[in-house]
Amino acid sequence: MVPGIDYDIFRNNLKKARYIQDLTAKDLSEMAGLRQQKMIADIEEGKGKPSLDEVFAICQVLNQPIDAMLKNEGKITIEYK
């Protein structure tokens, strides 16, 4: 658990960004190199609290600025390829 992170906001933004990019929780966990395959599912269900390194890895895979993922401002973006 990282002091200062509102995990409810991160969880909601994570769900939104993952949905936009059409990634399964398992795929995102693997792509981010998380220690458990079900880590993303646990975070989204409110059962897991990622470390700062894990938050950073998740944001990198989702191509989202870390500040956007940690704030409740609706600034989750999608980059079209």
Protein backbone atom coordinates (compact mmCIF):
# COMPACT_ATOMS: atom_id res chain seq x y z
CA MET A 1 0.00 0.00 0.00
CA VAL A 2 1.33 3.40 -1.01
CA PRO A 3 0.44 6.44 1.15
CA GLY A 4 -1.36 9.15 -0.79
CA ILE A 5 -2.84 6.91 -3.49
CA ASP A 6 -6.62 6.82 -3.62
CA TYR A 7 -7.04 3.21 -4.69
CA ASP A 8 -10.73 3.69 -5.50
CA ILE A 9 -9.86 6.30 -8.12
CA PHE A 10 -7.00 4.19 -9.50
CA ARG A 11 -9.27 1.13 -9.63
CA ASN A 12 -11.97 2.99 -11.59
CA ASN A 13 -9.49 4.53 -14.01
CA LEU A 14 -7.79 1.15 -14.46
CA LYS A 15 -11.07 -0.49 -15.41
CA LYS A 16 -11.84 2.31 -17.85
CA ALA A 17 -8.41 2.30 -19.51
CA ARG A 18 -8.31 -1.50 -19.76
CA TYR A 19 -11.79 -1.57 -21.29
CA ILE A 20 -10.90 1.15 -23.83
CA GLN A 21 -7.83 -0.83 -24.90
CA ASP A 22 -9.71 -4.14 -24.98
CA LEU A 23 -7.29 -5.95 -22.67
CA THR A 24 -8.17 -8.78 -20.33
CA ALA A 25 -7.07 -8.51 -16.72
CA LYS A 26 -4.80 -11.51 -17.23
CA ASP A 27 -3.19 -10.01 -20.36
CA LEU A 28 -2.54 -6.70 -18.62
CA SER A 29 -1.04 -8.46 -15.60
CA GLU A 30 1.32 -10.39 -17.85
CA MET A 31 2.25 -7.37 -19.98
CA ALA A 32 3.01 -5.30 -16.88
CA GLY A 33 5.11 -8.11 -15.38
CA LEU A 34 3.03 -8.28 -12.22
CA ARG A 35 3.87 -10.93 -9.64
CA GLN A 36 0.45 -12.59 -9.89
CA GLN A 37 -1.62 -13.13 -13.00
CA LYS A 38 -4.78 -12.16 -11.15
CA MET A 39 -3.34 -8.94 -9.72
CA ILE A 40 -5.35 -6.67 -12.07
CA ALA A 41 -8.58 -8.51 -11.25
CA ASP A 42 -7.79 -8.20 -7.54
CA ILE A 43 -7.14 -4.45 -7.87
CA GLU A 44 -10.36 -3.91 -9.82
CA GLU A 45 -12.34 -5.86 -7.21
CA GLY A 46 -10.81 -3.85 -4.37
CA LYS A 47 -8.91 -6.87 -3.03
CA GLY A 48 -5.42 -5.78 -4.05
CA LYS A 49 -3.36 -2.65 -3.57
CA PRO A 50 -0.45 -2.35 -6.00
CA SER A 51 2.95 -0.98 -5.10
CA LEU A 52 4.15 2.23 -6.72
CA ASP A 53 6.32 0.17 -9.11
CA GLU A 54 3.27 -1.85 -10.11
CA VAL A 55 1.17 1.29 -10.63
CA PHE A 56 3.94 2.67 -12.85
CA ALA A 57 4.19 -0.58 -14.86
CA ILE A 58 0.42 -0.69 -15.36
CA CYS A 59 0.36 2.94 -16.53
CA GLN A 60 3.19 2.26 -18.98
CA VAL A 61 1.42 -0.70 -20.55
CA LEU A 62 -1.83 1.26 -20.79
CA ASN A 63 0.07 4.27 -22.19
CA GLN A 64 -1.56 6.51 -19.60
CA PRO A 65 0.11 9.28 -17.60
CA ILE A 66 0.39 8.22 -13.98
CA ASP A 67 -1.18 11.46 -12.77
CA ALA A 68 -4.27 10.86 -14.96
CA MET A 69 -4.67 7.36 -13.50
CA LEU A 70 -4.45 8.65 -9.93
CA LYS A 71 -6.90 11.54 -10.26
CA ASN A 72 -10.66 11.63 -10.66
CA GLU A 73 -10.71 13.98 -13.62
CA GLY A 74 -11.81 11.71 -16.45
CA LYS A 75 -8.62 12.26 -18.42
CA ILE A 76 -8.06 8.67 -19.51
CA THR A 77 -6.99 8.82 -23.13
CA ILE A 78 -6.69 6.44 -26.01
CA GLU A 79 -4.02 6.58 -28.66
CA TYR A 80 -5.16 5.39 -32.04
CA LYS A 81 -2.62 3.41 -34.03
